[in-house]
Structures are given as structure tokens and as C-alpha cells.
Amino acid sequence: MKIRLEKYVDRASIRALLEDAFPSPLEADLVEKLRETEAYLPELALVAELESGEVAGFLLLTKASIAQEKQNPEILVLAPLAVLTSKKHQGIGSKLVEAGITSARKARFPGISVLGHASFYSRFGFQKAKTYGIEAPFPVDEEHWMVLGLPEQNLEGLAGKLIYPQPFLEME
């Protein structure tokens, strides 16, 4: 298996993967809408490709910002992370998260936010976002609202409310 950047030709496979991994097409629709925004960075859209050529996993990091009085510093949002149901529990999601963190560091973002399972994301260094004063834009369980500060950067001084890219706000 290799982790690589998504290619245009992967898009149908990614959509099928997302529809397999989630109970509705909302996440697949979200990804398609995000690709049309300035928040989408092709270098932060990753797939896990099996030796057979099958796309078995997908991770997307998009730009967001944090509302503050004088500025709105950028941060990344990790969503979605998906693995084919038939390929779960084989380390694919973990490899995608590790590669995503490496790519985010190279792109020099100060951190990554995620709304997900604390038991999974804490393995990669994610901590409760409230530790840094980063608030979700809607009510969430604090346990699952997490952020990772990237070592070369610093989340100190980034307290405020996260502003998601518009397609996240349109999910229904």
C-alpha cells in the first residue's frame, strides 16, 4: 500500500469509498463542494492505494481560520477520513493521518483541528481543543473536539472560534 496525492481520475473511486464508509452521501458531497473552494489544497488530499491499484482510504485537510479581533489565522480541518469498510482495522487510517500530519507540517500550518474519536486521534498527539482556547462553531462534545499543534509552529495565541469553509456549514 502507498499513500499518495489524489488524482483527478481517483474522484469516482473516492466518492464510492466515502459512500461505503459513511451512512449517507453527505461526506461525498462535502468533498466535491470543498474541491471548488479556496479552502481546498490539492497537496493535502491523500489516498491510500493498494498494490492492486484500488483506492482503499482517503483523507482531506482543508484550510479554515480562527476568528480573532485583529486577524483570522489559518489552521487546517481534518475531514473526512475514510477507509473502505472491507479494509478497516488494517492500519490504513493511521497511515493516512500520519501522512496528513507530515504534509501539513511541510505546508507550514500551525495546527490541525478534528472532530472525531479521541481514542483514535490522541494516538497522533491530538489534544482537546479547549486546551488552546479553540472553540467549535457549533455545540460539540469537548471530548471529540481536538487539535494538534505542529512542532515547528505554535498554537499559543490562536484562541478563538474556528470558522469552517462554507461547504461544512451547508451539510444537512
C-alpha atoms as a PDB file:
ATOM      1  CA  MET A   1       0.000   0.000   0.000  1.00  0.00           C
ATOM      2  CA  LYS A   2       1.152   3.521  -0.699  1.00  0.00           C
ATOM      3  CA  ILE A   3      -0.105   6.920   0.391  1.00  0.00           C
ATOM      4  CA  ARG A   4      -0.163   9.479  -2.400  1.00  0.00           C
ATOM      5  CA  LEU A   5      -1.879  12.640  -3.539  1.00  0.00           C
ATOM      6  CA  GLU A   6      -5.329  12.240  -5.019  1.00  0.00           C
ATOM      7  CA  LYS A   7      -5.526  12.465  -8.798  1.00  0.00           C
ATOM      8  CA  TYR A   8      -8.455  13.692 -10.832  1.00  0.00           C
ATOM      9  CA  VAL A   9      -9.022  10.117 -12.066  1.00  0.00           C
ATOM     10  CA  ASP A  10      -9.464   8.984  -8.430  1.00  0.00           C
ATOM     11  CA  ARG A  11     -12.535  11.095  -7.841  1.00  0.00           C
ATOM     12  CA  ALA A  12     -15.143   8.458  -8.722  1.00  0.00           C
ATOM     13  CA  SER A  13     -13.326   5.894  -6.557  1.00  0.00           C
ATOM     14  CA  ILE A  14     -13.112   8.393  -3.693  1.00  0.00           C
ATOM     15  CA  ARG A  15     -16.823   9.116  -3.934  1.00  0.00           C
ATOM     16  CA  ALA A  16     -17.618   5.381  -3.874  1.00  0.00           C
ATOM     17  CA  LEU A  17     -15.287   4.933  -0.888  1.00  0.00           C
ATOM     18  CA  LEU A  18     -16.977   7.774   1.013  1.00  0.00           C
ATOM     19  CA  GLU A  19     -20.423   6.366   0.256  1.00  0.00           C
ATOM     20  CA  ASP A  20     -19.218   2.977   1.538  1.00  0.00           C
ATOM     21  CA  ALA A  21     -17.645   4.385   4.710  1.00  0.00           C
ATOM     22  CA  PHE A  22     -20.450   6.741   5.779  1.00  0.00           C
ATOM     23  CA  PRO A  23     -24.197   6.120   6.190  1.00  0.00           C
ATOM     24  CA  SER A  24     -25.223   8.849   3.724  1.00  0.00           C
ATOM     25  CA  PRO A  25     -23.713  10.685   0.741  1.00  0.00           C
ATOM     26  CA  LEU A  26     -23.193  13.875   2.808  1.00  0.00           C
ATOM     27  CA  GLU A  27     -19.422  13.416   3.151  1.00  0.00           C
ATOM     28  CA  ALA A  28     -19.019  12.584  -0.543  1.00  0.00           C
ATOM     29  CA  ASP A  29     -20.990  15.711  -1.453  1.00  0.00           C
ATOM     30  CA  LEU A  30     -18.936  17.740   1.035  1.00  0.00           C
ATOM     31  CA  VAL A  31     -15.652  16.700  -0.585  1.00  0.00           C
ATOM     32  CA  GLU A  32     -16.936  17.613  -4.048  1.00  0.00           C
ATOM     33  CA  LYS A  33     -18.010  21.054  -2.810  1.00  0.00           C
ATOM     34  CA  LEU A  34     -14.753  21.638  -0.914  1.00  0.00           C
ATOM     35  CA  ARG A  35     -12.738  20.954  -4.077  1.00  0.00           C
ATOM     36  CA  GLU A  36     -14.421  24.011  -5.623  1.00  0.00           C
ATOM     37  CA  THR A  37     -13.308  26.382  -2.841  1.00  0.00           C
ATOM     38  CA  GLU A  38     -10.111  28.207  -1.913  1.00  0.00           C
ATOM     39  CA  ALA A  39     -10.003  26.032   1.213  1.00  0.00           C
ATOM     40  CA  TYR A  40      -9.067  23.006  -0.918  1.00  0.00           C
ATOM     41  CA  LEU A  41      -5.344  22.372  -1.263  1.00  0.00           C
ATOM     42  CA  PRO A  42      -4.506  19.521  -3.680  1.00  0.00           C
ATOM     43  CA  GLU A  43      -1.308  18.765  -1.756  1.00  0.00           C
ATOM     44  CA  LEU A  44      -3.433  17.943   1.310  1.00  0.00           C
ATOM     45  CA  ALA A  45      -5.830  15.472  -0.341  1.00  0.00           C
ATOM     46  CA  LEU A  46      -4.404  11.986   0.177  1.00  0.00           C
ATOM     47  CA  VAL A  47      -5.404   8.491  -0.865  1.00  0.00           C
ATOM     48  CA  ALA A  48      -4.272   5.068   0.285  1.00  0.00           C
ATOM     49  CA  GLU A  49      -3.745   2.938  -2.799  1.00  0.00           C
ATOM     50  CA  LEU A  50      -3.429  -0.836  -2.531  1.00  0.00           C
ATOM     51  CA  GLU A  51      -0.962  -2.797  -4.660  1.00  0.00           C
ATOM     52  CA  SER A  52      -3.936  -3.759  -6.840  1.00  0.00           C
ATOM     53  CA  GLY A  53      -4.493  -0.064  -7.617  1.00  0.00           C
ATOM     54  CA  GLU A  54      -7.691   0.105  -5.555  1.00  0.00           C
ATOM     55  CA  VAL A  55      -8.242   3.286  -3.543  1.00  0.00           C
ATOM     56  CA  ALA A  56      -8.866   1.984  -0.014  1.00  0.00           C
ATOM     57  CA  GLY A  57      -8.652   5.189   2.014  1.00  0.00           C
ATOM     58  CA  PHE A  58      -8.957   8.957   1.765  1.00  0.00           C
ATOM     59  CA  LEU A  59      -8.022  11.911   3.955  1.00  0.00           C
ATOM     60  CA  LEU A  60      -8.710  15.571   3.286  1.00  0.00           C
ATOM     61  CA  LEU A  61      -7.225  18.567   5.068  1.00  0.00           C
ATOM     62  CA  THR A  62      -8.755  21.922   4.169  1.00  0.00           C
ATOM     63  CA  LYS A  63      -7.985  25.470   5.208  1.00  0.00           C
ATOM     64  CA  ALA A  64     -10.093  27.084   7.896  1.00  0.00           C
ATOM     65  CA  SER A  65      -9.488  30.093  10.091  1.00  0.00           C
ATOM     66  CA  ILE A  66      -9.890  31.156  13.676  1.00  0.00           C
ATOM     67  CA  ALA A  67     -11.965  34.256  14.398  1.00  0.00           C
ATOM     68  CA  GLN A  68      -9.999  36.782  16.412  1.00  0.00           C
ATOM     69  CA  GLU A  69     -10.274  40.526  16.975  1.00  0.00           C
ATOM     70  CA  LYS A  70      -7.356  41.645  14.813  1.00  0.00           C
ATOM     71  CA  GLN A  71      -6.796  38.730  12.452  1.00  0.00           C
ATOM     72  CA  ASN A  72      -8.134  35.352  11.398  1.00  0.00           C
ATOM     73  CA  PRO A  73      -5.132  32.981  11.417  1.00  0.00           C
ATOM     74  CA  GLU A  74      -5.381  29.852   9.287  1.00  0.00           C
ATOM     75  CA  ILE A  75      -5.494  26.302  10.587  1.00  0.00           C
ATOM     76  CA  LEU A  76      -6.407  23.019   8.899  1.00  0.00           C
ATOM     77  CA  VAL A  77      -9.514  20.876   9.343  1.00  0.00           C
ATOM     78  CA  LEU A  78      -9.161  17.103   9.004  1.00  0.00           C
ATOM     79  CA  ALA A  79     -12.390  15.840   7.454  1.00  0.00           C
ATOM     80  CA  PRO A  80     -13.209  13.417   6.194  1.00  0.00           C
ATOM     81  CA  LEU A  81     -11.005  10.437   6.942  1.00  0.00           C
ATOM     82  CA  ALA A  82     -12.449   7.300   5.393  1.00  0.00           C
ATOM     83  CA  VAL A  83     -11.415   3.701   4.789  1.00  0.00           C
ATOM     84  CA  LEU A  84     -13.346   1.100   2.812  1.00  0.00           C
ATOM     85  CA  THR A  85     -15.423  -0.978   5.204  1.00  0.00           C
ATOM     86  CA  SER A  86     -13.757  -4.167   3.939  1.00  0.00           C
ATOM     87  CA  LYS A  87     -10.287  -2.731   4.672  1.00  0.00           C
ATOM     88  CA  LYS A  88     -10.830  -1.311   8.179  1.00  0.00           C
ATOM     89  CA  HIS A  89      -8.575  -2.254  11.109  1.00  0.00           C
ATOM     90  CA  GLN A  90      -5.557  -2.749   8.843  1.00  0.00           C
ATOM     91  CA  GLY A  91      -3.754   0.494   9.711  1.00  0.00           C
ATOM     92  CA  ILE A  92      -4.834   2.389   6.595  1.00  0.00           C
ATOM     93  CA  GLY A  93      -6.487   5.237   8.507  1.00  0.00           C
ATOM     94  CA  SER A  94      -3.448   5.592  10.769  1.00  0.00           C
ATOM     95  CA  LYS A  95      -1.079   5.763   7.804  1.00  0.00           C
ATOM     96  CA  LEU A  96      -3.269   8.429   6.198  1.00  0.00           C
ATOM     97  CA  VAL A  97      -3.320  10.528   9.383  1.00  0.00           C
ATOM     98  CA  GLU A  98       0.470  10.255   9.744  1.00  0.00           C
ATOM     99  CA  ALA A  99       0.969  11.291   6.112  1.00  0.00           C
ATOM    100  CA  GLY A 100      -1.532  14.131   6.524  1.00  0.00           C
ATOM    101  CA  ILE A 101       0.348  15.461   9.548  1.00  0.00           C
ATOM    102  CA  THR A 102       3.628  15.319   7.620  1.00  0.00           C
ATOM    103  CA  SER A 103       2.057  17.166   4.676  1.00  0.00           C
ATOM    104  CA  ALA A 104       0.561  19.806   6.989  1.00  0.00           C
ATOM    105  CA  ARG A 105       3.993  20.397   8.550  1.00  0.00           C
ATOM    106  CA  LYS A 106       5.554  20.838   5.108  1.00  0.00           C
ATOM    107  CA  ALA A 107       2.813  23.328   4.218  1.00  0.00           C
ATOM    108  CA  ARG A 108       3.718  25.208   7.447  1.00  0.00           C
ATOM    109  CA  PHE A 109       0.276  25.314   9.029  1.00  0.00           C
ATOM    110  CA  PRO A 110       0.270  25.842  12.812  1.00  0.00           C
ATOM    111  CA  GLY A 111      -2.144  23.020  13.504  1.00  0.00           C
ATOM    112  CA  ILE A 112      -4.949  20.677  12.551  1.00  0.00           C
ATOM    113  CA  SER A 113      -8.430  20.502  14.072  1.00  0.00           C
ATOM    114  CA  VAL A 114     -10.628  17.431  14.020  1.00  0.00           C
ATOM    115  CA  LEU A 115     -14.000  16.357  15.338  1.00  0.00           C
ATOM    116  CA  GLY A 116     -13.538  12.644  15.905  1.00  0.00           C
ATOM    117  CA  HIS A 117     -12.857   9.765  18.257  1.00  0.00           C
ATOM    118  CA  ALA A 118     -10.460  10.876  20.985  1.00  0.00           C
ATOM    119  CA  SER A 119      -9.152   7.334  21.457  1.00  0.00           C
ATOM    120  CA  PHE A 120      -8.004   7.269  17.815  1.00  0.00           C
ATOM    121  CA  TYR A 121      -6.733  10.812  17.268  1.00  0.00           C
ATOM    122  CA  SER A 122      -4.955  11.121  20.633  1.00  0.00           C
ATOM    123  CA  ARG A 123      -2.500   8.472  19.369  1.00  0.00           C
ATOM    124  CA  PHE A 124      -1.170  11.092  16.950  1.00  0.00           C
ATOM    125  CA  GLY A 125      -0.846  13.841  19.550  1.00  0.00           C
ATOM    126  CA  PHE A 126      -4.252  15.496  19.167  1.00  0.00           C
ATOM    127  CA  GLN A 127      -5.473  17.138  22.370  1.00  0.00           C
ATOM    128  CA  LYS A 128      -8.724  18.715  23.458  1.00  0.00           C
ATOM    129  CA  ALA A 129      -9.084  21.987  21.553  1.00  0.00           C
ATOM    130  CA  LYS A 130     -10.194  23.794  24.692  1.00  0.00           C
ATOM    131  CA  THR A 131      -6.601  23.380  25.952  1.00  0.00           C
ATOM    132  CA  TYR A 132      -5.680  26.060  23.407  1.00  0.00           C
ATOM    133  CA  GLY A 133      -8.922  28.016  23.687  1.00  0.00           C
ATOM    134  CA  ILE A 134     -10.047  26.961  20.205  1.00  0.00           C
ATOM    135  CA  GLU A 135     -13.839  26.748  20.119  1.00  0.00           C
ATOM    136  CA  ALA A 136     -16.072  24.829  17.742  1.00  0.00           C
ATOM    137  CA  PRO A 137     -18.529  26.964  15.758  1.00  0.00           C
ATOM    138  CA  PHE A 138     -21.411  24.790  16.945  1.00  0.00           C
ATOM    139  CA  PRO A 139     -22.155  22.675  20.038  1.00  0.00           C
ATOM    140  CA  VAL A 140     -19.891  19.613  20.211  1.00  0.00           C
ATOM    141  CA  ASP A 141     -18.755  17.099  22.794  1.00  0.00           C
ATOM    142  CA  GLU A 142     -15.474  18.558  24.115  1.00  0.00           C
ATOM    143  CA  GLU A 143     -14.001  15.056  24.252  1.00  0.00           C
ATOM    144  CA  HIS A 144     -14.173  14.771  20.451  1.00  0.00           C
ATOM    145  CA  TRP A 145     -13.227  18.368  19.520  1.00  0.00           C
ATOM    146  CA  MET A 146      -9.466  18.109  19.160  1.00  0.00           C
ATOM    147  CA  VAL A 147      -6.470  19.933  17.774  1.00  0.00           C
ATOM    148  CA  LEU A 148      -2.857  19.107  17.004  1.00  0.00           C
ATOM    149  CA  GLY A 149      -0.196  21.787  17.202  1.00  0.00           C
ATOM    150  CA  LEU A 150       2.548  21.125  14.705  1.00  0.00           C
ATOM    151  CA  PRO A 151       6.011  21.233  16.300  1.00  0.00           C
ATOM    152  CA  GLU A 152       7.540  23.885  14.049  1.00  0.00           C
ATOM    153  CA  GLN A 153       4.554  26.101  14.722  1.00  0.00           C
ATOM    154  CA  ASN A 154       2.710  27.027  17.875  1.00  0.00           C
ATOM    155  CA  LEU A 155      -0.987  27.132  18.721  1.00  0.00           C
ATOM    156  CA  GLU A 156      -0.440  29.616  21.532  1.00  0.00           C
ATOM    157  CA  GLY A 157      -2.232  32.827  20.673  1.00  0.00           C
ATOM    158  CA  LEU A 158      -4.663  31.075  18.334  1.00  0.00           C
ATOM    159  CA  ALA A 159      -7.583  31.074  20.762  1.00  0.00           C
ATOM    160  CA  GLY A 160     -10.920  31.851  19.157  1.00  0.00           C
ATOM    161  CA  LYS A 161     -13.787  30.249  17.281  1.00  0.00           C
ATOM    162  CA  LEU A 162     -12.997  28.051  14.292  1.00  0.00           C
ATOM    163  CA  ILE A 163     -14.500  29.242  11.016  1.00  0.00           C
ATOM    164  CA  TYR A 164     -15.144  26.232   8.797  1.00  0.00           C
ATOM    165  CA  PRO A 165     -15.138  26.520   4.998  1.00  0.00           C
ATOM    166  CA  GLN A 166     -18.687  27.220   3.782  1.00  0.00           C
ATOM    167  CA  PRO A 167     -19.461  23.681   2.487  1.00  0.00           C
ATOM    168  CA  PHE A 168     -19.192  22.327   6.049  1.00  0.00           C
ATOM    169  CA  LEU A 169     -21.893  24.757   7.144  1.00  0.00           C
ATOM    170  CA  GLU A 170     -24.214  23.604   4.351  1.00  0.00           C
ATOM    171  CA  MET A 171     -24.203  19.922   5.359  1.00  0.00           C
ATOM    172  CA  GLU A 172     -27.708  18.673   6.121  1.00  0.00           C
END
